[in-house]
Amino acid sequence: MPLRVTFVAAARSAPLLAERFEDDRPLDQAGWEEVQRVAGDLLPLAAAELRYCSPTPRSRATGDALGYAPLVQPALRDCDMGRWRGLTLGEAMAREPDAVDAWLADPRATPHGGESLLAFVSRVGGWLDTRPAEDGGRIVAVAEPAVVRAALVYALKAPPATYWNIDVRPLSVCTVTGRAGRWNLRLDGAPAQSPRS
């Protein structure tokens, strides 16, 4: 039986255009309200044998509010953005436009002094590949949208540039099934109460 890993994107901590690299702010009021709206649809995921989350405050709070009581997984942390930590993309672009362009164009680039996109995808994929899968089972992981995108790129064996073409909204859900090195994306029907953007 294949392993089933369901990722739930953390609720928001700021309006989407104000998202910051390695954002460690707690859920904002809109984030709490979104969690309350979808809690009934996402609560069944609490039956997973293993429940994890990214180490950010909003991921932990989202998991707790959904009744998952998740264990923090350092490997599910956001990409290390070095000196751009805490900046929006626009702020980084205003300060270092050539560096941002290089980072967006080359998955191996680390102009910010942190982690490359390729290393980030590999780290998240390594976590996915080391989940216990002897008898199948279900796992739920509440993670930052960037982490969910990285997991999908890895699971689909897609080129790293695909990362920029995946839009993960707060509280969206996606599932991969399989085992180390052999993952499939599973798309289920949308919840009755989808989160607002």
C-alpha atoms as a PDB file:
ATOM      1  CA  MET A   1       0.000   0.000   0.000  1.00  0.00           C
ATOM      2  CA  PRO A   2       1.479   3.405  -0.926  1.00  0.00           C
ATOM      3  CA  LEU A   3       2.157   6.118   1.580  1.00  0.00           C
ATOM      4  CA  ARG A   4      -0.192   9.114   1.414  1.00  0.00           C
ATOM      5  CA  VAL A   5       1.264  12.506   2.380  1.00  0.00           C
ATOM      6  CA  THR A   6      -1.194  15.404   2.447  1.00  0.00           C
ATOM      7  CA  PHE A   7       0.201  18.912   2.613  1.00  0.00           C
ATOM      8  CA  VAL A   8      -1.929  21.717   4.023  1.00  0.00           C
ATOM      9  CA  ALA A   9      -0.609  25.202   3.301  1.00  0.00           C
ATOM     10  CA  ALA A  10      -0.436  27.341   6.433  1.00  0.00           C
ATOM     11  CA  ALA A  11      -3.040  30.058   6.864  1.00  0.00           C
ATOM     12  CA  ARG A  12      -1.857  33.535   6.115  1.00  0.00           C
ATOM     13  CA  SER A  13       0.046  35.891   8.358  1.00  0.00           C
ATOM     14  CA  ALA A  14      -0.218  38.893   6.028  1.00  0.00           C
ATOM     15  CA  PRO A  15      -1.922  39.882   2.770  1.00  0.00           C
ATOM     16  CA  LEU A  16      -0.414  37.906  -0.108  1.00  0.00           C
ATOM     17  CA  LEU A  17       1.390  40.908  -1.594  1.00  0.00           C
ATOM     18  CA  ALA A  18       3.025  41.606   1.789  1.00  0.00           C
ATOM     19  CA  GLU A  19       4.458  38.067   2.186  1.00  0.00           C
ATOM     20  CA  ARG A  20       8.029  38.149   3.395  1.00  0.00           C
ATOM     21  CA  PHE A  21      10.894  35.723   2.882  1.00  0.00           C
ATOM     22  CA  GLU A  22      11.101  33.356   5.860  1.00  0.00           C
ATOM     23  CA  ASP A  23       8.107  35.087   7.407  1.00  0.00           C
ATOM     24  CA  ASP A  24       7.914  34.190  11.097  1.00  0.00           C
ATOM     25  CA  ARG A  25       4.897  36.314  11.993  1.00  0.00           C
ATOM     26  CA  PRO A  26       1.887  34.621  13.627  1.00  0.00           C
ATOM     27  CA  LEU A  27      -1.465  34.253  11.909  1.00  0.00           C
ATOM     28  CA  ASP A  28      -3.233  37.536  11.252  1.00  0.00           C
ATOM     29  CA  GLN A  29      -6.962  37.987  11.905  1.00  0.00           C
ATOM     30  CA  ALA A  30      -7.851  37.037   8.338  1.00  0.00           C
ATOM     31  CA  GLY A  31      -5.758  33.877   8.717  1.00  0.00           C
ATOM     32  CA  TRP A  32      -7.626  32.869  11.875  1.00  0.00           C
ATOM     33  CA  GLU A  33     -10.954  33.513  10.171  1.00  0.00           C
ATOM     34  CA  GLU A  34      -9.920  31.394   7.161  1.00  0.00           C
ATOM     35  CA  VAL A  35      -8.938  28.513   9.458  1.00  0.00           C
ATOM     36  CA  GLN A  36     -12.335  28.684  11.163  1.00  0.00           C
ATOM     37  CA  ARG A  37     -14.140  28.643   7.788  1.00  0.00           C
ATOM     38  CA  VAL A  38     -12.382  25.498   6.531  1.00  0.00           C
ATOM     39  CA  ALA A  39     -11.802  23.658   9.818  1.00  0.00           C
ATOM     40  CA  GLY A  40     -14.742  21.313   9.301  1.00  0.00           C
ATOM     41  CA  ASP A  41     -13.454  20.262   5.881  1.00  0.00           C
ATOM     42  CA  LEU A  42      -9.843  19.776   7.022  1.00  0.00           C
ATOM     43  CA  LEU A  43     -10.494  18.200  10.428  1.00  0.00           C
ATOM     44  CA  PRO A  44     -10.700  14.644   9.008  1.00  0.00           C
ATOM     45  CA  LEU A  45      -6.986  14.899   8.129  1.00  0.00           C
ATOM     46  CA  ALA A  46      -6.310  14.761  11.896  1.00  0.00           C
ATOM     47  CA  ALA A  47      -6.892  10.999  11.623  1.00  0.00           C
ATOM     48  CA  ALA A  48      -3.501  10.652   9.893  1.00  0.00           C
ATOM     49  CA  GLU A  49      -1.091   8.382  11.726  1.00  0.00           C
ATOM     50  CA  LEU A  50       1.630  11.055  11.627  1.00  0.00           C
ATOM     51  CA  ARG A  51       1.045  14.817  11.794  1.00  0.00           C
ATOM     52  CA  TYR A  52       3.833  17.326  11.151  1.00  0.00           C
ATOM     53  CA  CYS A  53       4.347  21.036  10.571  1.00  0.00           C
ATOM     54  CA  SER A  54       6.940  23.569   9.522  1.00  0.00           C
ATOM     55  CA  PRO A  55       8.632  25.349  12.446  1.00  0.00           C
ATOM     56  CA  THR A  56       7.004  28.729  11.689  1.00  0.00           C
ATOM     57  CA  PRO A  57       4.466  30.171  14.126  1.00  0.00           C
ATOM     58  CA  ARG A  58       1.733  30.268  11.489  1.00  0.00           C
ATOM     59  CA  SER A  59       2.253  26.624  10.477  1.00  0.00           C
ATOM     60  CA  ARG A  60       2.153  25.466  14.090  1.00  0.00           C
ATOM     61  CA  ALA A  61      -0.901  27.628  14.838  1.00  0.00           C
ATOM     62  CA  THR A  62      -2.695  26.388  11.715  1.00  0.00           C
ATOM     63  CA  GLY A  63      -2.030  22.751  12.629  1.00  0.00           C
ATOM     64  CA  ASP A  64      -3.125  23.281  16.232  1.00  0.00           C
ATOM     65  CA  ALA A  65      -6.278  25.163  15.205  1.00  0.00           C
ATOM     66  CA  LEU A  66      -7.210  22.285  12.885  1.00  0.00           C
ATOM     67  CA  GLY A  67      -6.808  19.777  15.722  1.00  0.00           C
ATOM     68  CA  TYR A  68      -3.711  18.068  14.320  1.00  0.00           C
ATOM     69  CA  ALA A  69      -1.323  18.618  17.275  1.00  0.00           C
ATOM     70  CA  PRO A  70       1.563  18.458  14.756  1.00  0.00           C
ATOM     71  CA  LEU A  71       5.200  17.689  15.498  1.00  0.00           C
ATOM     72  CA  VAL A  72       7.612  20.354  14.269  1.00  0.00           C
ATOM     73  CA  GLN A  73       9.914  19.172  11.472  1.00  0.00           C
ATOM     74  CA  PRO A  74      13.007  21.349  10.925  1.00  0.00           C
ATOM     75  CA  ALA A  75      13.425  19.894   7.412  1.00  0.00           C
ATOM     76  CA  LEU A  76      10.098  21.536   6.498  1.00  0.00           C
ATOM     77  CA  ARG A  77      11.390  25.026   7.245  1.00  0.00           C
ATOM     78  CA  ASP A  78      11.151  27.686   4.575  1.00  0.00           C
ATOM     79  CA  CYS A  79      14.043  28.337   2.203  1.00  0.00           C
ATOM     80  CA  ASP A  80      17.001  30.042   3.903  1.00  0.00           C
ATOM     81  CA  MET A  81      16.986  33.466   2.268  1.00  0.00           C
ATOM     82  CA  GLY A  82      20.146  34.791   3.889  1.00  0.00           C
ATOM     83  CA  ARG A  83      20.261  38.577   4.007  1.00  0.00           C
ATOM     84  CA  TRP A  84      16.847  38.808   2.305  1.00  0.00           C
ATOM     85  CA  ARG A  85      15.136  37.218   5.300  1.00  0.00           C
ATOM     86  CA  GLY A  86      12.168  39.350   6.339  1.00  0.00           C
ATOM     87  CA  LEU A  87      12.018  41.276   3.035  1.00  0.00           C
ATOM     88  CA  THR A  88       9.261  41.148   0.445  1.00  0.00           C
ATOM     89  CA  LEU A  89      10.274  40.285  -3.100  1.00  0.00           C
ATOM     90  CA  GLY A  90       9.706  43.924  -4.041  1.00  0.00           C
ATOM     91  CA  GLU A  91      12.021  45.137  -1.263  1.00  0.00           C
ATOM     92  CA  ALA A  92      14.750  42.696  -2.298  1.00  0.00           C
ATOM     93  CA  MET A  93      14.332  43.788  -5.930  1.00  0.00           C
ATOM     94  CA  ALA A  94      14.630  47.454  -4.968  1.00  0.00           C
ATOM     95  CA  ARG A  95      17.873  46.771  -3.056  1.00  0.00           C
ATOM     96  CA  GLU A  96      19.515  44.196  -5.324  1.00  0.00           C
ATOM     97  CA  PRO A  97      17.744  43.938  -8.697  1.00  0.00           C
ATOM     98  CA  ASP A  98      20.536  42.037 -10.463  1.00  0.00           C
ATOM     99  CA  ALA A  99      20.863  39.577  -7.585  1.00  0.00           C
ATOM    100  CA  VAL A 100      17.113  38.905  -7.569  1.00  0.00           C
ATOM    101  CA  ASP A 101      17.140  38.389 -11.335  1.00  0.00           C
ATOM    102  CA  ALA A 102      20.017  35.894 -10.968  1.00  0.00           C
ATOM    103  CA  TRP A 103      18.191  34.059  -8.189  1.00  0.00           C
ATOM    104  CA  LEU A 104      14.978  33.793 -10.229  1.00  0.00           C
ATOM    105  CA  ALA A 105      16.853  32.600 -13.337  1.00  0.00           C
ATOM    106  CA  ASP A 106      19.282  30.067 -11.842  1.00  0.00           C
ATOM    107  CA  PRO A 107      18.093  27.388  -9.386  1.00  0.00           C
ATOM    108  CA  ARG A 108      21.670  26.997  -8.106  1.00  0.00           C
ATOM    109  CA  ALA A 109      22.160  30.712  -7.380  1.00  0.00           C
ATOM    110  CA  THR A 110      22.547  31.992  -3.818  1.00  0.00           C
ATOM    111  CA  PRO A 111      23.055  35.748  -4.242  1.00  0.00           C
ATOM    112  CA  HIS A 112      21.354  36.337  -0.870  1.00  0.00           C
ATOM    113  CA  GLY A 113      23.917  34.179   0.921  1.00  0.00           C
ATOM    114  CA  GLY A 114      21.369  31.531   1.904  1.00  0.00           C
ATOM    115  CA  GLU A 115      20.047  28.368   0.298  1.00  0.00           C
ATOM    116  CA  SER A 116      19.621  27.815  -3.436  1.00  0.00           C
ATOM    117  CA  LEU A 117      16.245  26.818  -4.845  1.00  0.00           C
ATOM    118  CA  LEU A 118      17.744  23.472  -5.888  1.00  0.00           C
ATOM    119  CA  ALA A 119      19.058  22.815  -2.354  1.00  0.00           C
ATOM    120  CA  PHE A 120      15.681  23.803  -0.877  1.00  0.00           C
ATOM    121  CA  VAL A 121      13.755  21.434  -3.168  1.00  0.00           C
ATOM    122  CA  SER A 122      16.254  18.654  -2.402  1.00  0.00           C
ATOM    123  CA  ARG A 123      15.952  19.193   1.362  1.00  0.00           C
ATOM    124  CA  VAL A 124      12.159  19.047   1.315  1.00  0.00           C
ATOM    125  CA  GLY A 125      12.288  16.050  -1.049  1.00  0.00           C
ATOM    126  CA  GLY A 126      14.726  14.303   1.265  1.00  0.00           C
ATOM    127  CA  TRP A 127      12.238  14.714   4.095  1.00  0.00           C
ATOM    128  CA  LEU A 128       9.473  13.279   1.911  1.00  0.00           C
ATOM    129  CA  ASP A 129      11.596  10.298   0.870  1.00  0.00           C
ATOM    130  CA  THR A 130      12.471   9.390   4.460  1.00  0.00           C
ATOM    131  CA  ARG A 131       8.900   9.096   5.742  1.00  0.00           C
ATOM    132  CA  PRO A 132       8.151   5.619   7.089  1.00  0.00           C
ATOM    133  CA  ALA A 133       6.302   3.691   4.400  1.00  0.00           C
ATOM    134  CA  GLU A 134       6.535  -0.004   5.302  1.00  0.00           C
ATOM    135  CA  ASP A 135       2.780  -0.565   5.426  1.00  0.00           C
ATOM    136  CA  GLY A 136       1.509   2.537   3.699  1.00  0.00           C
ATOM    137  CA  GLY A 137      -0.234   4.967   5.978  1.00  0.00           C
ATOM    138  CA  ARG A 138      -1.314   8.574   6.055  1.00  0.00           C
ATOM    139  CA  ILE A 139       0.658  11.670   6.948  1.00  0.00           C
ATOM    140  CA  VAL A 140      -0.493  15.269   7.125  1.00  0.00           C
ATOM    141  CA  ALA A 141       1.997  18.134   7.061  1.00  0.00           C
ATOM    142  CA  VAL A 142       1.095  21.787   7.579  1.00  0.00           C
ATOM    143  CA  ALA A 143       3.764  23.822   5.844  1.00  0.00           C
ATOM    144  CA  GLU A 144       4.575  27.168   4.339  1.00  0.00           C
ATOM    145  CA  PRO A 145       3.338  27.560   0.752  1.00  0.00           C
ATOM    146  CA  ALA A 146       6.967  27.624  -0.449  1.00  0.00           C
ATOM    147  CA  VAL A 147       7.582  24.242   1.190  1.00  0.00           C
ATOM    148  CA  VAL A 148       4.495  22.771  -0.477  1.00  0.00           C
ATOM    149  CA  ARG A 149       5.698  24.053  -3.862  1.00  0.00           C
ATOM    150  CA  ALA A 150       9.131  22.530  -3.270  1.00  0.00           C
ATOM    151  CA  ALA A 151       7.556  19.185  -2.328  1.00  0.00           C
ATOM    152  CA  LEU A 152       5.475  19.164  -5.504  1.00  0.00           C
ATOM    153  CA  VAL A 153       8.462  19.974  -7.719  1.00  0.00           C
ATOM    154  CA  TYR A 154      10.387  17.134  -6.086  1.00  0.00           C
ATOM    155  CA  ALA A 155       7.548  14.604  -6.168  1.00  0.00           C
ATOM    156  CA  LEU A 156       6.831  15.260  -9.847  1.00  0.00           C
ATOM    157  CA  LYS A 157      10.537  15.262 -10.777  1.00  0.00           C
ATOM    158  CA  ALA A 158       9.835  18.570 -12.491  1.00  0.00           C
ATOM    159  CA  PRO A 159      12.548  21.018 -13.546  1.00  0.00           C
ATOM    160  CA  PRO A 160      13.368  23.427 -10.686  1.00  0.00           C
ATOM    161  CA  ALA A 161      11.998  26.381 -12.683  1.00  0.00           C
ATOM    162  CA  THR A 162       8.542  24.783 -12.309  1.00  0.00           C
ATOM    163  CA  TYR A 163       8.623  26.031  -8.718  1.00  0.00           C
ATOM    164  CA  TRP A 164       7.788  29.546  -9.949  1.00  0.00           C
ATOM    165  CA  ASN A 165       4.686  28.271 -11.789  1.00  0.00           C
ATOM    166  CA  ILE A 166       2.964  26.619  -8.827  1.00  0.00           C
ATOM    167  CA  ASP A 167       0.512  28.795  -6.923  1.00  0.00           C
ATOM    168  CA  VAL A 168      -0.147  27.506  -3.413  1.00  0.00           C
ATOM    169  CA  ARG A 169      -2.832  29.469  -1.591  1.00  0.00           C
ATOM    170  CA  PRO A 170      -3.204  29.559   2.182  1.00  0.00           C
ATOM    171  CA  LEU A 171      -5.068  26.483   3.462  1.00  0.00           C
ATOM    172  CA  SER A 172      -4.956  24.746   0.097  1.00  0.00           C
ATOM    173  CA  VAL A 173      -4.469  20.985   0.221  1.00  0.00           C
ATOM    174  CA  CYS A 174      -2.530  18.635  -2.035  1.00  0.00           C
ATOM    175  CA  THR A 175      -1.607  14.993  -1.661  1.00  0.00           C
ATOM    176  CA  VAL A 176       1.241  12.894  -2.981  1.00  0.00           C
ATOM    177  CA  THR A 177       1.138   9.114  -2.829  1.00  0.00           C
ATOM    178  CA  GLY A 178       3.865   6.538  -3.281  1.00  0.00           C
ATOM    179  CA  ARG A 179       7.224   5.994  -1.638  1.00  0.00           C
ATOM    180  CA  ALA A 180      10.798   7.235  -1.865  1.00  0.00           C
ATOM    181  CA  GLY A 181      11.662   8.148  -5.439  1.00  0.00           C
ATOM    182  CA  ARG A 182       8.195   7.248  -6.779  1.00  0.00           C
ATOM    183  CA  TRP A 183       5.594   9.876  -6.018  1.00  0.00           C
ATOM    184  CA  ASN A 184       2.314  10.695  -7.709  1.00  0.00           C
ATOM    185  CA  LEU A 185       0.228  13.818  -7.331  1.00  0.00           C
ATOM    186  CA  ARG A 186      -3.316  13.089  -6.245  1.00  0.00           C
ATOM    187  CA  LEU A 187      -5.989  15.727  -6.873  1.00  0.00           C
ATOM    188  CA  ASP A 188      -9.195  15.363  -4.905  1.00  0.00           C
ATOM    189  CA  GLY A 189     -12.326  17.448  -5.105  1.00  0.00           C
ATOM    190  CA  ALA A 190     -12.267  20.924  -3.581  1.00  0.00           C
ATOM    191  CA  PRO A 191     -13.637  21.354  -0.060  1.00  0.00           C
ATOM    192  CA  ALA A 192     -17.161  22.701   0.204  1.00  0.00           C
ATOM    193  CA  GLN A 193     -15.869  25.905   1.786  1.00  0.00           C
ATOM    194  CA  SER A 194     -12.730  26.927  -0.078  1.00  0.00           C
ATOM    195  CA  PRO A 195     -10.507  29.594   1.513  1.00  0.00           C
ATOM    196  CA  ARG A 196     -10.725  33.109   0.179  1.00  0.00           C
ATOM    197  CA  SER A 197      -7.625  34.651  -1.373  1.00  0.00           C
END
